Amino acid sequence: LANTFGGGLYNTYETQEQRDVALAEAKDLNGVNPGVCFVGSLFSFGCAAACWVLVNYITDIFSARPIDLDAVYAV
């Protein structure tokens, strides 16, 4: 089966050292720190949760005290 598909697992003419270098470059993540990304996502989640709580609070206020229909600003 390996001969059918060109010689096995690696079907390239690269040496093992070249493969190791390519693998190390792929693990580099271009200088992006995953920890910073995770902390940033927690901050974004906190902001989104705060906005969600604020919107729910505002809707509770308006549902408890509806705007009169004869008010000028109620269109």
C-alpha atoms as a PDB file:
ATOM      1  CA  LEU A   1       0.000   0.000   0.000  1.00  0.00           C
ATOM      2  CA  ALA A   2       2.891   2.373   0.769  1.00  0.00           C
ATOM      3  CA  ASN A   3       4.368   1.804  -2.675  1.00  0.00           C
ATOM      4  CA  THR A   4       1.038   2.643  -4.273  1.00  0.00           C
ATOM      5  CA  PHE A   5       0.936   6.091  -2.677  1.00  0.00           C
ATOM      6  CA  GLY A   6       4.537   7.064  -3.274  1.00  0.00           C
ATOM      7  CA  GLY A   7       6.642   5.577  -0.557  1.00  0.00           C
ATOM      8  CA  GLY A   8       4.925   5.864   2.772  1.00  0.00           C
ATOM      9  CA  LEU A   9       4.154   8.524   5.360  1.00  0.00           C
ATOM     10  CA  TYR A  10       6.289  11.343   3.946  1.00  0.00           C
ATOM     11  CA  ASN A  11       5.793  11.892   0.254  1.00  0.00           C
ATOM     12  CA  THR A  12       8.353  14.711  -0.044  1.00  0.00           C
ATOM     13  CA  TYR A  13      12.025  14.997  -0.823  1.00  0.00           C
ATOM     14  CA  GLU A  14      12.790  16.905   2.393  1.00  0.00           C
ATOM     15  CA  THR A  15      15.239  15.605   4.933  1.00  0.00           C
ATOM     16  CA  GLN A  16      14.205  14.920   8.502  1.00  0.00           C
ATOM     17  CA  GLU A  17      16.038  18.073   9.640  1.00  0.00           C
ATOM     18  CA  GLN A  18      14.034  20.183   7.199  1.00  0.00           C
ATOM     19  CA  ARG A  19      10.807  18.613   8.457  1.00  0.00           C
ATOM     20  CA  ASP A  20      11.803  19.344  12.072  1.00  0.00           C
ATOM     21  CA  VAL A  21      12.543  22.991  11.225  1.00  0.00           C
ATOM     22  CA  ALA A  22       9.190  23.337   9.424  1.00  0.00           C
ATOM     23  CA  LEU A  23       7.395  21.809  12.399  1.00  0.00           C
ATOM     24  CA  ALA A  24       9.138  24.196  14.817  1.00  0.00           C
ATOM     25  CA  GLU A  25       8.150  27.159  12.624  1.00  0.00           C
ATOM     26  CA  ALA A  26       4.553  25.965  12.566  1.00  0.00           C
ATOM     27  CA  LYS A  27       4.488  25.841  16.380  1.00  0.00           C
ATOM     28  CA  ASP A  28       5.831  29.420  16.622  1.00  0.00           C
ATOM     29  CA  LEU A  29       2.329  31.005  16.271  1.00  0.00           C
ATOM     30  CA  ASN A  30       3.925  34.133  14.740  1.00  0.00           C
ATOM     31  CA  GLY A  31       4.672  35.646  18.133  1.00  0.00           C
ATOM     32  CA  VAL A  32       1.091  35.462  19.396  1.00  0.00           C
ATOM     33  CA  ASN A  33       0.879  34.513  23.055  1.00  0.00           C
ATOM     34  CA  PRO A  34      -2.111  32.218  23.697  1.00  0.00           C
ATOM     35  CA  GLY A  35      -2.318  33.406  27.314  1.00  0.00           C
ATOM     36  CA  VAL A  36      -2.835  37.006  26.221  1.00  0.00           C
ATOM     37  CA  CYS A  37      -5.553  35.876  23.806  1.00  0.00           C
ATOM     38  CA  PHE A  38      -7.300  33.959  26.580  1.00  0.00           C
ATOM     39  CA  VAL A  39      -7.170  36.902  29.013  1.00  0.00           C
ATOM     40  CA  GLY A  40      -8.484  39.177  26.261  1.00  0.00           C
ATOM     41  CA  SER A  41     -11.363  36.814  25.628  1.00  0.00           C
ATOM     42  CA  LEU A  42     -12.222  36.838  29.349  1.00  0.00           C
ATOM     43  CA  PHE A  43     -12.264  40.653  29.280  1.00  0.00           C
ATOM     44  CA  SER A  44     -14.530  40.612  26.199  1.00  0.00           C
ATOM     45  CA  PHE A  45     -16.843  38.111  27.883  1.00  0.00           C
ATOM     46  CA  GLY A  46     -17.025  40.338  30.973  1.00  0.00           C
ATOM     47  CA  CYS A  47     -17.937  43.376  28.867  1.00  0.00           C
ATOM     48  CA  ALA A  48     -20.590  41.408  26.973  1.00  0.00           C
ATOM     49  CA  ALA A  49     -22.054  40.033  30.201  1.00  0.00           C
ATOM     50  CA  ALA A  50     -22.172  43.532  31.720  1.00  0.00           C
ATOM     51  CA  CYS A  51     -24.004  44.866  28.643  1.00  0.00           C
ATOM     52  CA  TRP A  52     -26.450  41.964  28.798  1.00  0.00           C
ATOM     53  CA  VAL A  53     -27.189  42.641  32.487  1.00  0.00           C
ATOM     54  CA  LEU A  54     -27.609  46.363  31.748  1.00  0.00           C
ATOM     55  CA  VAL A  55     -30.052  45.695  28.909  1.00  0.00           C
ATOM     56  CA  ASN A  56     -32.070  43.327  31.115  1.00  0.00           C
ATOM     57  CA  TYR A  57     -32.168  45.972  33.858  1.00  0.00           C
ATOM     58  CA  ILE A  58     -33.379  48.632  31.427  1.00  0.00           C
ATOM     59  CA  THR A  59     -36.076  46.343  30.020  1.00  0.00           C
ATOM     60  CA  ASP A  60     -37.265  45.576  33.565  1.00  0.00           C
ATOM     61  CA  ILE A  61     -37.547  49.314  34.257  1.00  0.00           C
ATOM     62  CA  PHE A  62     -39.563  49.959  31.086  1.00  0.00           C
ATOM     63  CA  SER A  63     -41.802  46.937  31.618  1.00  0.00           C
ATOM     64  CA  ALA A  64     -42.560  48.035  35.196  1.00  0.00           C
ATOM     65  CA  ARG A  65     -43.294  51.666  34.175  1.00  0.00           C
ATOM     66  CA  PRO A  66     -44.597  51.753  30.601  1.00  0.00           C
ATOM     67  CA  ILE A  67     -44.548  54.997  28.646  1.00  0.00           C
ATOM     68  CA  ASP A  68     -47.952  56.690  28.330  1.00  0.00           C
ATOM     69  CA  LEU A  69     -49.451  56.592  24.873  1.00  0.00           C
ATOM     70  CA  ASP A  70     -50.283  60.293  24.938  1.00  0.00           C
ATOM     71  CA  ALA A  71     -46.655  61.278  25.522  1.00  0.00           C
ATOM     72  CA  VAL A  72     -45.069  63.340  22.768  1.00  0.00           C
ATOM     73  CA  TYR A  73     -41.960  61.149  22.532  1.00  0.00           C
ATOM     74  CA  ALA A  74     -43.985  57.922  22.166  1.00  0.00           C
ATOM     75  CA  VAL A  75     -44.284  57.582  18.426  1.00  0.00           C
END
